[in-house]
Amino acid sequence: MTNLVERPAPDELWVLFRRVVPPTEVNRPQGGGRRRAGREVLAAIIFVSTSGCTWRQLPPGHSWQPVNRRFAQWSRARVWARLHRVVLDELGARGELDWSRCAIDSVSLRAAKGGL
């Protein structure tokens, strides 16, 4: 597998990501270990997302637990939804969105008790 350090999060994505990610805790209540830089963690999340591997299959030197933990924290903080919006806004401002290729998805649910 590719070493994540050799393939960090792209600079442009990192700049946008820093706008939406909440500040990290300085004091670690559990102590020990080193806190991975946000960019390293983002690169590991991108790696898992694009390679199809599991968290436990991250390349040597990249412990899956802190990456998974930060992914869960960022998910609870809705970082991914905010990042998606920021990326769309940035692309729209540059005129790089082609809305003719847009797809809208919906889910239909049956109304409870016949809609009454």
PDB file of N, CA and C in Angstrom:
ATOM      1  N   MET A   1       0.836  -1.184   0.000  1.00  0.00           N
ATOM      2  CA  MET A   1       0.000   0.000   0.000  1.00  0.00           C
ATOM      3  C   MET A   1       0.876   1.241   0.000  1.00  0.00           C
ATOM      4  N   THR A   2       0.309   2.305  -0.557  1.00  0.00           N
ATOM      5  CA  THR A   2       1.014   3.566  -0.609  1.00  0.00           C
ATOM      6  C   THR A   2       1.161   4.139   0.797  1.00  0.00           C
ATOM      7  N   ASN A   3       2.322   4.693   1.067  1.00  0.00           N
ATOM      8  CA  ASN A   3       2.539   5.346   2.349  1.00  0.00           C
ATOM      9  C   ASN A   3       1.744   6.651   2.353  1.00  0.00           C
ATOM     10  N   LEU A   4       0.917   6.841   3.369  1.00  0.00           N
ATOM     11  CA  LEU A   4       0.059   8.022   3.427  1.00  0.00           C
ATOM     12  C   LEU A   4       0.855   9.313   3.515  1.00  0.00           C
ATOM     13  N   VAL A   5       2.022   9.250   4.107  1.00  0.00           N
ATOM     14  CA  VAL A   5       2.844  10.456   4.226  1.00  0.00           C
ATOM     15  C   VAL A   5       3.282  10.920   2.845  1.00  0.00           C
ATOM     16  N   GLU A   6       3.455   9.992   1.917  1.00  0.00           N
ATOM     17  CA  GLU A   6       3.846  10.349   0.558  1.00  0.00           C
ATOM     18  C   GLU A   6       2.658  10.913  -0.225  1.00  0.00           C
ATOM     19  N   ARG A   7       1.460  10.676   0.258  1.00  0.00           N
ATOM     20  CA  ARG A   7       0.262  11.126  -0.439  1.00  0.00           C
ATOM     21  C   ARG A   7      -0.633  11.878   0.551  1.00  0.00           C
ATOM     22  N   PRO A   8      -0.199  13.072   0.996  1.00  0.00           N
ATOM     23  CA  PRO A   8      -1.001  13.808   1.976  1.00  0.00           C
ATOM     24  C   PRO A   8      -2.275  14.350   1.338  1.00  0.00           C
ATOM     25  N   ALA A   9      -3.142  14.885   2.166  1.00  0.00           N
ATOM     26  CA  ALA A   9      -4.335  15.537   1.652  1.00  0.00           C
ATOM     27  C   ALA A   9      -3.883  16.685   0.742  1.00  0.00           C
ATOM     28  N   PRO A  10      -4.489  16.817  -0.433  1.00  0.00           N
ATOM     29  CA  PRO A  10      -4.081  17.895  -1.346  1.00  0.00           C
ATOM     30  C   PRO A  10      -4.172  19.272  -0.676  1.00  0.00           C
ATOM     31  N   ASP A  11      -3.268  20.162  -1.048  1.00  0.00           N
ATOM     32  CA  ASP A  11      -3.210  21.486  -0.428  1.00  0.00           C
ATOM     33  C   ASP A  11      -4.542  22.220  -0.490  1.00  0.00           C
ATOM     34  N   GLU A  12      -5.175  22.236  -1.660  1.00  0.00           N
ATOM     35  CA  GLU A  12      -6.450  22.953  -1.808  1.00  0.00           C
ATOM     36  C   GLU A  12      -7.524  22.380  -0.893  1.00  0.00           C
ATOM     37  N   LEU A  13      -7.589  21.057  -0.803  1.00  0.00           N
ATOM     38  CA  LEU A  13      -8.573  20.423   0.075  1.00  0.00           C
ATOM     39  C   LEU A  13      -8.259  20.750   1.531  1.00  0.00           C
ATOM     40  N   TRP A  14      -6.994  20.737   1.896  1.00  0.00           N
ATOM     41  CA  TRP A  14      -6.602  21.020   3.274  1.00  0.00           C
ATOM     42  C   TRP A  14      -7.002  22.440   3.677  1.00  0.00           C
ATOM     43  N   VAL A  15      -6.809  23.401   2.786  1.00  0.00           N
ATOM     44  CA  VAL A  15      -7.192  24.784   3.075  1.00  0.00           C
ATOM     45  C   VAL A  15      -8.694  24.870   3.337  1.00  0.00           C
ATOM     46  N   LEU A  16      -9.501  24.219   2.500  1.00  0.00           N
ATOM     47  CA  LEU A  16     -10.956  24.236   2.684  1.00  0.00           C
ATOM     48  C   LEU A  16     -11.353  23.480   3.949  1.00  0.00           C
ATOM     49  N   PHE A  17     -10.691  22.367   4.202  1.00  0.00           N
ATOM     50  CA  PHE A  17     -10.999  21.543   5.372  1.00  0.00           C
ATOM     51  C   PHE A  17     -10.765  22.321   6.658  1.00  0.00           C
ATOM     52  N   ARG A  18      -9.692  23.086   6.705  1.00  0.00           N
ATOM     53  CA  ARG A  18      -9.375  23.853   7.917  1.00  0.00           C
ATOM     54  C   ARG A  18     -10.448  24.890   8.229  1.00  0.00           C
ATOM     55  N   ARG A  19     -11.226  25.292   7.225  1.00  0.00           N
ATOM     56  CA  ARG A  19     -12.318  26.249   7.459  1.00  0.00           C
ATOM     57  C   ARG A  19     -13.491  25.619   8.190  1.00  0.00           C
ATOM     58  N   VAL A  20     -13.642  24.299   8.111  1.00  0.00           N
ATOM     59  CA  VAL A  20     -14.841  23.656   8.675  1.00  0.00           C
ATOM     60  C   VAL A  20     -14.559  22.746   9.862  1.00  0.00           C
ATOM     61  N   VAL A  21     -13.327  22.364  10.080  1.00  0.00           N
ATOM     62  CA  VAL A  21     -13.011  21.425  11.160  1.00  0.00           C
ATOM     63  C   VAL A  21     -12.950  22.168  12.496  1.00  0.00           C
ATOM     64  N   PRO A  22     -13.556  21.597  13.541  1.00  0.00           N
ATOM     65  CA  PRO A  22     -13.478  22.251  14.850  1.00  0.00           C
ATOM     66  C   PRO A  22     -12.056  22.171  15.399  1.00  0.00           C
ATOM     67  N   PRO A  23     -11.695  23.096  16.291  1.00  0.00           N
ATOM     68  CA  PRO A  23     -10.348  23.042  16.876  1.00  0.00           C
ATOM     69  C   PRO A  23     -10.151  21.747  17.660  1.00  0.00           C
ATOM     70  N   THR A  24      -8.934  21.237  17.643  1.00  0.00           N
ATOM     71  CA  THR A  24      -8.637  20.006  18.365  1.00  0.00           C
ATOM     72  C   THR A  24      -8.326  20.314  19.816  1.00  0.00           C
ATOM     73  N   GLU A  25      -8.567  19.323  20.646  1.00  0.00           N
ATOM     74  CA  GLU A  25      -8.270  19.469  22.070  1.00  0.00           C
ATOM     75  C   GLU A  25      -6.762  19.506  22.274  1.00  0.00           C
ATOM     76  N   VAL A  26      -6.308  20.384  23.139  1.00  0.00           N
ATOM     77  CA  VAL A  26      -4.874  20.464  23.426  1.00  0.00           C
ATOM     78  C   VAL A  26      -4.499  19.414  24.464  1.00  0.00           C
ATOM     79  N   ASN A  27      -5.301  19.299  25.506  1.00  0.00           N
ATOM     80  CA  ASN A  27      -5.027  18.327  26.564  1.00  0.00           C
ATOM     81  C   ASN A  27      -5.742  17.018  26.255  1.00  0.00           C
ATOM     82  N   ARG A  28      -4.995  15.950  26.250  1.00  0.00           N
ATOM     83  CA  ARG A  28      -5.563  14.638  25.981  1.00  0.00           C
ATOM     84  C   ARG A  28      -5.787  13.937  27.308  1.00  0.00           C
ATOM     85  N   PRO A  29      -7.046  13.740  27.713  1.00  0.00           N
ATOM     86  CA  PRO A  29      -7.315  13.147  29.015  1.00  0.00           C
ATOM     87  C   PRO A  29      -6.749  11.739  29.176  1.00  0.00           C
ATOM     88  N   GLN A  30      -6.643  10.987  28.090  1.00  0.00           N
ATOM     89  CA  GLN A  30      -6.141   9.622  28.206  1.00  0.00           C
ATOM     90  C   GLN A  30      -4.617   9.584  28.288  1.00  0.00           C
ATOM     91  N   GLY A  31      -3.947  10.698  27.927  1.00  0.00           N
ATOM     92  CA  GLY A  31      -2.488  10.756  28.003  1.00  0.00           C
ATOM     93  C   GLY A  31      -1.817   9.822  27.017  1.00  0.00           C
ATOM     94  N   GLY A  32      -0.523   9.838  27.001  1.00  0.00           N
ATOM     95  CA  GLY A  32       0.263   8.931  26.157  1.00  0.00           C
ATOM     96  C   GLY A  32       0.118   9.202  24.679  1.00  0.00           C
ATOM     97  N   GLY A  33       0.958   8.550  23.907  1.00  0.00           N
ATOM     98  CA  GLY A  33       0.894   8.638  22.451  1.00  0.00           C
ATOM     99  C   GLY A  33       1.127  10.050  21.947  1.00  0.00           C
ATOM    100  N   ARG A  34       1.163  10.152  20.628  1.00  0.00           N
ATOM    101  CA  ARG A  34       1.279  11.483  20.044  1.00  0.00           C
ATOM    102  C   ARG A  34       0.006  11.782  19.277  1.00  0.00           C
ATOM    103  N   ARG A  35      -0.419  12.994  19.318  1.00  0.00           N
ATOM    104  CA  ARG A  35      -1.636  13.379  18.610  1.00  0.00           C
ATOM    105  C   ARG A  35      -1.276  13.583  17.154  1.00  0.00           C
ATOM    106  N   ARG A  36      -1.900  12.837  16.299  1.00  0.00           N
ATOM    107  CA  ARG A  36      -1.642  12.966  14.871  1.00  0.00           C
ATOM    108  C   ARG A  36      -2.151  14.308  14.372  1.00  0.00           C
ATOM    109  N   ALA A  37      -1.384  14.897  13.473  1.00  0.00           N
ATOM    110  CA  ALA A  37      -1.800  16.157  12.867  1.00  0.00           C
ATOM    111  C   ALA A  37      -3.080  15.928  12.076  1.00  0.00           C
ATOM    112  N   GLY A  38      -3.922  16.922  12.041  1.00  0.00           N
ATOM    113  CA  GLY A  38      -5.188  16.812  11.330  1.00  0.00           C
ATOM    114  C   GLY A  38      -5.013  16.432   9.869  1.00  0.00           C
ATOM    115  N   ARG A  39      -3.962  16.933   9.250  1.00  0.00           N
ATOM    116  CA  ARG A  39      -3.734  16.630   7.832  1.00  0.00           C
ATOM    117  C   ARG A  39      -3.393  15.158   7.633  1.00  0.00           C
ATOM    118  N   GLU A  40      -2.637  14.581   8.560  1.00  0.00           N
ATOM    119  CA  GLU A  40      -2.323  13.146   8.485  1.00  0.00           C
ATOM    120  C   GLU A  40      -3.595  12.319   8.631  1.00  0.00           C
ATOM    121  N   VAL A  41      -4.442  12.725   9.558  1.00  0.00           N
ATOM    122  CA  VAL A  41      -5.684  11.998   9.790  1.00  0.00           C
ATOM    123  C   VAL A  41      -6.597  12.120   8.572  1.00  0.00           C
ATOM    124  N   LEU A  42      -6.705  13.326   8.019  1.00  0.00           N
ATOM    125  CA  LEU A  42      -7.521  13.515   6.820  1.00  0.00           C
ATOM    126  C   LEU A  42      -7.000  12.644   5.677  1.00  0.00           C
ATOM    127  N   ALA A  43      -5.680  12.584   5.513  1.00  0.00           N
ATOM    128  CA  ALA A  43      -5.093  11.748   4.457  1.00  0.00           C
ATOM    129  C   ALA A  43      -5.441  10.277   4.683  1.00  0.00           C
ATOM    130  N   ALA A  44      -5.418   9.832   5.935  1.00  0.00           N
ATOM    131  CA  ALA A  44      -5.754   8.439   6.232  1.00  0.00           C
ATOM    132  C   ALA A  44      -7.230   8.170   5.951  1.00  0.00           C
ATOM    133  N   ILE A  45      -8.101   9.113   6.279  1.00  0.00           N
ATOM    134  CA  ILE A  45      -9.532   8.954   6.001  1.00  0.00           C
ATOM    135  C   ILE A  45      -9.771   8.912   4.495  1.00  0.00           C
ATOM    136  N   ILE A  46      -9.096   9.763   3.756  1.00  0.00           N
ATOM    137  CA  ILE A  46      -9.204   9.748   2.296  1.00  0.00           C
ATOM    138  C   ILE A  46      -8.717   8.406   1.761  1.00  0.00           C
ATOM    139  N   PHE A  47      -7.622   7.911   2.324  1.00  0.00           N
ATOM    140  CA  PHE A  47      -7.073   6.628   1.887  1.00  0.00           C
ATOM    141  C   PHE A  47      -8.094   5.505   2.086  1.00  0.00           C
ATOM    142  N   VAL A  48      -8.690   5.446   3.270  1.00  0.00           N
ATOM    143  CA  VAL A  48      -9.681   4.404   3.554  1.00  0.00           C
ATOM    144  C   VAL A  48     -10.882   4.553   2.616  1.00  0.00           C
ATOM    145  N   SER A  49     -11.327   5.796   2.412  1.00  0.00           N
ATOM    146  CA  SER A  49     -12.494   6.048   1.575  1.00  0.00           C
ATOM    147  C   SER A  49     -12.273   5.699   0.113  1.00  0.00           C
ATOM    148  N   THR A  50     -11.075   5.942  -0.375  1.00  0.00           N
ATOM    149  CA  THR A  50     -10.815   5.723  -1.799  1.00  0.00           C
ATOM    150  C   THR A  50     -10.258   4.341  -2.122  1.00  0.00           C
ATOM    151  N   SER A  51      -9.661   3.683  -1.130  1.00  0.00           N
ATOM    152  CA  SER A  51      -9.053   2.373  -1.408  1.00  0.00           C
ATOM    153  C   SER A  51     -10.016   1.221  -1.146  1.00  0.00           C
ATOM    154  N   GLY A  52     -11.013   1.478  -0.312  1.00  0.00           N
ATOM    155  CA  GLY A  52     -11.946   0.404   0.033  1.00  0.00           C
ATOM    156  C   GLY A  52     -11.436  -0.480   1.158  1.00  0.00           C
ATOM    157  N   CYS A  53     -10.294  -0.134   1.752  1.00  0.00           N
ATOM    158  CA  CYS A  53      -9.778  -0.940   2.855  1.00  0.00           C
ATOM    159  C   CYS A  53     -10.546  -0.608   4.128  1.00  0.00           C
ATOM    160  N   THR A  54     -10.347  -1.398   5.155  1.00  0.00           N
ATOM    161  CA  THR A  54     -10.962  -1.120   6.452  1.00  0.00           C
ATOM    162  C   THR A  54     -10.001  -0.256   7.264  1.00  0.00           C
ATOM    163  N   TRP A  55     -10.489   0.286   8.369  1.00  0.00           N
ATOM    164  CA  TRP A  55      -9.623   1.086   9.240  1.00  0.00           C
ATOM    165  C   TRP A  55      -8.398   0.280   9.655  1.00  0.00           C
ATOM    166  N   ARG A  56      -8.611  -0.986   9.969  1.00  0.00           N
ATOM    167  CA  ARG A  56      -7.508  -1.830  10.462  1.00  0.00           C
ATOM    168  C   ARG A  56      -6.473  -2.149   9.383  1.00  0.00           C
ATOM    169  N   GLN A  57      -6.783  -1.851   8.128  1.00  0.00           N
ATOM    170  CA  GLN A  57      -5.858  -2.137   7.029  1.00  0.00           C
ATOM    171  C   GLN A  57      -5.032  -0.919   6.616  1.00  0.00           C
ATOM    172  N   LEU A  58      -5.013   0.110   7.447  1.00  0.00           N
ATOM    173  CA  LEU A  58      -4.153   1.254   7.139  1.00  0.00           C
ATOM    174  C   LEU A  58      -2.703   0.778   7.079  1.00  0.00           C
ATOM    175  N   PRO A  59      -1.879   1.409   6.245  1.00  0.00           N
ATOM    176  CA  PRO A  59      -0.485   0.991   6.124  1.00  0.00           C
ATOM    177  C   PRO A  59       0.254   1.067   7.460  1.00  0.00           C
ATOM    178  N   PRO A  60       1.335   0.291   7.605  1.00  0.00           N
ATOM    179  CA  PRO A  60       2.131   0.322   8.838  1.00  0.00           C
ATOM    180  C   PRO A  60       2.553   1.755   9.179  1.00  0.00           C
ATOM    181  N   GLY A  61       2.559   2.037  10.458  1.00  0.00           N
ATOM    182  CA  GLY A  61       2.914   3.376  10.912  1.00  0.00           C
ATOM    183  C   GLY A  61       1.720   4.296  11.082  1.00  0.00           C
ATOM    184  N   HIS A  62       0.537   3.804  10.721  1.00  0.00           N
ATOM    185  CA  HIS A  62      -0.683   4.597  10.841  1.00  0.00           C
ATOM    186  C   HIS A  62      -1.694   3.785  11.639  1.00  0.00           C
ATOM    187  N   SER A  63      -1.752   4.056  12.926  1.00  0.00           N
ATOM    188  CA  SER A  63      -2.656   3.336  13.808  1.00  0.00           C
ATOM    189  C   SER A  63      -4.099   3.680  13.462  1.00  0.00           C
ATOM    190  N   TRP A  64      -4.929   2.679  13.337  1.00  0.00           N
ATOM    191  CA  TRP A  64      -6.303   2.902  12.895  1.00  0.00           C
ATOM    192  C   TRP A  64      -7.175   3.536  13.970  1.00  0.00           C
ATOM    193  N   GLN A  65      -6.898   3.270  15.258  1.00  0.00           N
ATOM    194  CA  GLN A  65      -7.780   3.752  16.320  1.00  0.00           C
ATOM    195  C   GLN A  65      -7.901   5.276  16.363  1.00  0.00           C
ATOM    196  N   PRO A  66      -6.784   6.019  16.366  1.00  0.00           N
ATOM    197  CA  PRO A  66      -6.944   7.477  16.410  1.00  0.00           C
ATOM    198  C   PRO A  66      -7.605   8.040  15.154  1.00  0.00           C
ATOM    199  N   VAL A  67      -7.338   7.422  14.013  1.00  0.00           N
ATOM    200  CA  VAL A  67      -7.945   7.886  12.770  1.00  0.00           C
ATOM    201  C   VAL A  67      -9.453   7.649  12.826  1.00  0.00           C
ATOM    202  N   ASN A  68      -9.847   6.472  13.245  1.00  0.00           N
ATOM    203  CA  ASN A  68     -11.262   6.153  13.364  1.00  0.00           C
ATOM    204  C   ASN A  68     -11.941   7.050  14.394  1.00  0.00           C
ATOM    205  N   ARG A  69     -11.274   7.285  15.502  1.00  0.00           N
ATOM    206  CA  ARG A  69     -11.837   8.143  16.557  1.00  0.00           C
ATOM    207  C   ARG A  69     -12.073   9.556  16.038  1.00  0.00           C
ATOM    208  N   ARG A  70     -11.083  10.107  15.327  1.00  0.00           N
ATOM    209  CA  ARG A  70     -11.228  11.470  14.800  1.00  0.00           C
ATOM    210  C   ARG A  70     -12.300  11.512  13.716  1.00  0.00           C
ATOM    211  N   PHE A  71     -12.391  10.451  12.891  1.00  0.00           N
ATOM    212  CA  PHE A  71     -13.450  10.383  11.886  1.00  0.00           C
ATOM    213  C   PHE A  71     -14.817  10.455  12.567  1.00  0.00           C
ATOM    214  N   ALA A  72     -14.983   9.706  13.650  1.00  0.00           N
ATOM    215  CA  ALA A  72     -16.257   9.711  14.380  1.00  0.00           C
ATOM    216  C   ALA A  72     -16.533  11.089  14.983  1.00  0.00           C
ATOM    217  N   GLN A  73     -15.512  11.724  15.557  1.00  0.00           N
ATOM    218  CA  GLN A  73     -15.686  13.070  16.130  1.00  0.00           C
ATOM    219  C   GLN A  73     -16.095  14.060  15.051  1.00  0.00           C
ATOM    220  N   TRP A  74     -15.409  14.012  13.930  1.00  0.00           N
ATOM    221  CA  TRP A  74     -15.720  14.938  12.848  1.00  0.00           C
ATOM    222  C   TRP A  74     -17.092  14.646  12.251  1.00  0.00           C
ATOM    223  N   SER A  75     -17.488  13.386  12.226  1.00  0.00           N
ATOM    224  CA  SER A  75     -18.818  13.037  11.721  1.00  0.00           C
ATOM    225  C   SER A  75     -19.892  13.608  12.638  1.00  0.00           C
ATOM    226  N   ARG A  76     -19.714  13.452  13.952  1.00  0.00           N
ATOM    227  CA  ARG A  76     -20.683  14.010  14.906  1.00  0.00           C
ATOM    228  C   ARG A  76     -20.767  15.528  14.784  1.00  0.00           C
ATOM    229  N   ALA A  77     -19.650  16.165  14.464  1.00  0.00           N
ATOM    230  CA  ALA A  77     -19.606  17.621  14.324  1.00  0.00           C
ATOM    231  C   ALA A  77     -20.069  18.078  12.937  1.00  0.00           C
ATOM    232  N   ARG A  78     -20.518  17.149  12.109  1.00  0.00           N
ATOM    233  CA  ARG A  78     -21.025  17.424  10.758  1.00  0.00           C
ATOM    234  C   ARG A  78     -19.982  18.087   9.851  1.00  0.00           C
ATOM    235  N   VAL A  79     -18.715  17.755  10.080  1.00  0.00           N
ATOM    236  CA  VAL A  79     -17.632  18.317   9.284  1.00  0.00           C
ATOM    237  C   VAL A  79     -17.789  17.946   7.817  1.00  0.00           C
ATOM    238  N   TRP A  80     -18.185  16.720   7.529  1.00  0.00           N
ATOM    239  CA  TRP A  80     -18.257  16.254   6.139  1.00  0.00           C
ATOM    240  C   TRP A  80     -19.337  17.002   5.362  1.00  0.00           C
ATOM    241  N   ALA A  81     -20.473  17.254   5.983  1.00  0.00           N
ATOM    242  CA  ALA A  81     -21.543  18.008   5.317  1.00  0.00           C
ATOM    243  C   ALA A  81     -21.090  19.448   5.061  1.00  0.00           C
ATOM    244  N   ARG A  82     -20.420  20.040   6.051  1.00  0.00           N
ATOM    245  CA  ARG A  82     -19.936  21.413   5.881  1.00  0.00           C
ATOM    246  C   ARG A  82     -18.837  21.483   4.821  1.00  0.00           C
ATOM    247  N   LEU A  83     -17.949  20.471   4.803  1.00  0.00           N
ATOM    248  CA  LEU A  83     -16.891  20.431   3.794  1.00  0.00           C
ATOM    249  C   LEU A  83     -17.497  20.289   2.400  1.00  0.00           C
ATOM    250  N   HIS A  84     -18.500  19.443   2.275  1.00  0.00           N
ATOM    251  CA  HIS A  84     -19.175  19.255   0.986  1.00  0.00           C
ATOM    252  C   HIS A  84     -19.722  20.593   0.490  1.00  0.00           C
ATOM    253  N   ARG A  85     -20.368  21.325   1.378  1.00  0.00           N
ATOM    254  CA  ARG A  85     -20.938  22.622   1.019  1.00  0.00           C
ATOM    255  C   ARG A  85     -19.852  23.618   0.619  1.00  0.00           C
ATOM    256  N   VAL A  86     -18.756  23.654   1.381  1.00  0.00           N
ATOM    257  CA  VAL A  86     -17.655  24.578   1.087  1.00  0.00           C
ATOM    258  C   VAL A  86     -17.030  24.252  -0.269  1.00  0.00           C
ATOM    259  N   VAL A  87     -16.849  22.965  -0.559  1.00  0.00           N
ATOM    260  CA  VAL A  87     -16.275  22.560  -1.848  1.00  0.00           C
ATOM    261  C   VAL A  87     -17.207  22.970  -2.985  1.00  0.00           C
ATOM    262  N   LEU A  88     -18.516  22.728  -2.824  1.00  0.00           N
ATOM    263  CA  LEU A  88     -19.474  23.135  -3.858  1.00  0.00           C
ATOM    264  C   LEU A  88     -19.467  24.647  -4.050  1.00  0.00           C
ATOM    265  N   ASP A  89     -19.432  25.401  -2.946  1.00  0.00           N
ATOM    266  CA  ASP A  89     -19.392  26.866  -3.043  1.00  0.00           C
ATOM    267  C   ASP A  89     -18.141  27.331  -3.773  1.00  0.00           C
ATOM    268  N   GLU A  90     -17.013  26.722  -3.449  1.00  0.00           N
ATOM    269  CA  GLU A  90     -15.746  27.098  -4.087  1.00  0.00           C
ATOM    270  C   GLU A  90     -15.783  26.787  -5.583  1.00  0.00           C
ATOM    271  N   LEU A  91     -16.237  25.600  -5.930  1.00  0.00           N
ATOM    272  CA  LEU A  91     -16.321  25.233  -7.348  1.00  0.00           C
ATOM    273  C   LEU A  91     -17.311  26.125  -8.088  1.00  0.00           C
ATOM    274  N   GLY A  92     -18.441  26.439  -7.429  1.00  0.00           N
ATOM    275  CA  GLY A  92     -19.430  27.325  -8.041  1.00  0.00           C
ATOM    276  C   GLY A  92     -18.865  28.713  -8.287  1.00  0.00           C
ATOM    277  N   ALA A  93     -18.121  29.233  -7.328  1.00  0.00           N
ATOM    278  CA  ALA A  93     -17.514  30.559  -7.472  1.00  0.00           C
ATOM    279  C   ALA A  93     -16.521  30.599  -8.629  1.00  0.00           C
ATOM    280  N   ARG A  94     -15.889  29.481  -8.902  1.00  0.00           N
ATOM    281  CA  ARG A  94     -14.930  29.401 -10.012  1.00  0.00           C
ATOM    282  C   ARG A  94     -15.607  29.091 -11.345  1.00  0.00           C
ATOM    283  N   GLY A  95     -16.908  28.805 -11.307  1.00  0.00           N
ATOM    284  CA  GLY A  95     -17.623  28.431 -12.533  1.00  0.00           C
ATOM    285  C   GLY A  95     -17.289  27.025 -12.995  1.00  0.00           C
ATOM    286  N   GLU A  96     -16.894  26.158 -12.047  1.00  0.00           N
ATOM    287  CA  GLU A  96     -16.469  24.804 -12.391  1.00  0.00           C
ATOM    288  C   GLU A  96     -17.519  23.743 -12.080  1.00  0.00           C
ATOM    289  N   LEU A  97     -18.754  24.171 -11.818  1.00  0.00           N
ATOM    290  CA  LEU A  97     -19.827  23.198 -11.588  1.00  0.00           C
ATOM    291  C   LEU A  97     -20.677  23.085 -12.844  1.00  0.00           C
ATOM    292  N   ASP A  98     -20.989  21.879 -13.229  1.00  0.00           N
ATOM    293  CA  ASP A  98     -21.853  21.633 -14.378  1.00  0.00           C
ATOM    294  C   ASP A  98     -23.152  21.038 -13.851  1.00  0.00           C
ATOM    295  N   TRP A  99     -24.128  21.918 -13.585  1.00  0.00           N
ATOM    296  CA  TRP A  99     -25.385  21.468 -12.988  1.00  0.00           C
ATOM    297  C   TRP A  99     -26.211  20.630 -13.959  1.00  0.00           C
ATOM    298  N   SER A 100     -25.843  20.583 -15.247  1.00  0.00           N
ATOM    299  CA  SER A 100     -26.574  19.732 -16.195  1.00  0.00           C
ATOM    300  C   SER A 100     -26.284  18.254 -15.915  1.00  0.00           C
ATOM    301  N   ARG A 101     -25.263  17.980 -15.111  1.00  0.00           N
ATOM    302  CA  ARG A 101     -24.920  16.605 -14.756  1.00  0.00           C
ATOM    303  C   ARG A 101     -25.327  16.281 -13.325  1.00  0.00           C
ATOM    304  N   CYS A 102     -26.224  17.076 -12.771  1.00  0.00           N
ATOM    305  CA  CYS A 102     -26.669  16.916 -11.389  1.00  0.00           C
ATOM    306  C   CYS A 102     -27.757  15.852 -11.303  1.00  0.00           C
ATOM    307  N   ALA A 103     -27.765  15.105 -10.237  1.00  0.00           N
ATOM    308  CA  ALA A 103     -28.804  14.110  -9.980  1.00  0.00           C
ATOM    309  C   ALA A 103     -29.438  14.411  -8.630  1.00  0.00           C
ATOM    310  N   ILE A 104     -30.737  14.293  -8.584  1.00  0.00           N
ATOM    311  CA  ILE A 104     -31.457  14.502  -7.335  1.00  0.00           C
ATOM    312  C   ILE A 104     -32.020  13.161  -6.907  1.00  0.00           C
ATOM    313  N   ASP A 105     -31.829  12.831  -5.645  1.00  0.00           N
ATOM    314  CA  ASP A 105     -32.299  11.556  -5.112  1.00  0.00           C
ATOM    315  C   ASP A 105     -33.313  11.853  -4.016  1.00  0.00           C
ATOM    316  N   SER A 106     -34.275  10.985  -3.887  1.00  0.00           N
ATOM    317  CA  SER A 106     -35.243  11.160  -2.808  1.00  0.00           C
ATOM    318  C   SER A 106     -35.640   9.795  -2.277  1.00  0.00           C
ATOM    319  N   VAL A 107     -36.223   9.820  -1.108  1.00  0.00           N
ATOM    320  CA  VAL A 107     -36.715   8.600  -0.492  1.00  0.00           C
ATOM    321  C   VAL A 107     -38.186   8.823  -0.189  1.00  0.00           C
ATOM    322  N   SER A 108     -39.005   7.855  -0.525  1.00  0.00           N
ATOM    323  CA  SER A 108     -40.427   7.956  -0.229  1.00  0.00           C
ATOM    324  C   SER A 108     -40.743   6.996   0.879  1.00  0.00           C
ATOM    325  N   LEU A 109     -41.422   7.483   1.895  1.00  0.00           N
ATOM    326  CA  LEU A 109     -41.826   6.648   3.012  1.00  0.00           C
ATOM    327  C   LEU A 109     -43.342   6.646   3.128  1.00  0.00           C
ATOM    328  N   ARG A 110     -43.865   5.533   3.486  1.00  0.00           N
ATOM    329  CA  ARG A 110     -45.295   5.432   3.696  1.00  0.00           C
ATOM    330  C   ARG A 110     -45.654   6.198   4.974  1.00  0.00           C
ATOM    331  N   ALA A 111     -46.716   6.946   4.907  1.00  0.00           N
ATOM    332  CA  ALA A 111     -47.146   7.729   6.062  1.00  0.00           C
ATOM    333  C   ALA A 111     -47.654   6.805   7.155  1.00  0.00           C
ATOM    334  N   ALA A 112     -47.243   7.081   8.390  1.00  0.00           N
ATOM    335  CA  ALA A 112     -47.680   6.279   9.527  1.00  0.00           C
ATOM    336  C   ALA A 112     -49.185   6.424   9.702  1.00  0.00           C
ATOM    337  N   LYS A 113     -49.839   5.333  10.035  1.00  0.00           N
ATOM    338  CA  LYS A 113     -51.290   5.299  10.283  1.00  0.00           C
ATOM    339  C   LYS A 113     -52.086   5.856   9.115  1.00  0.00           C
ATOM    340  N   GLY A 114     -51.634   5.587   7.920  1.00  0.00           N
ATOM    341  CA  GLY A 114     -52.368   6.035   6.739  1.00  0.00           C
ATOM    342  C   GLY A 114     -52.338   7.536   6.535  1.00  0.00           C
ATOM    343  N   GLY A 115     -51.394   8.219   7.166  1.00  0.00           N
ATOM    344  CA  GLY A 115     -51.258   9.665   6.981  1.00  0.00           C
ATOM    345  C   GLY A 115     -52.201  10.472   7.846  1.00  0.00           C
ATOM    346  N   LEU A 116     -52.847   9.841   8.791  1.00  0.00           N
ATOM    347  CA  LEU A 116     -53.784  10.577   9.640  1.00  0.00           C
ATOM    348  C   LEU A 116     -53.113  11.206  10.810  1.00  0.00           C
TER     349      LEU A 116
END
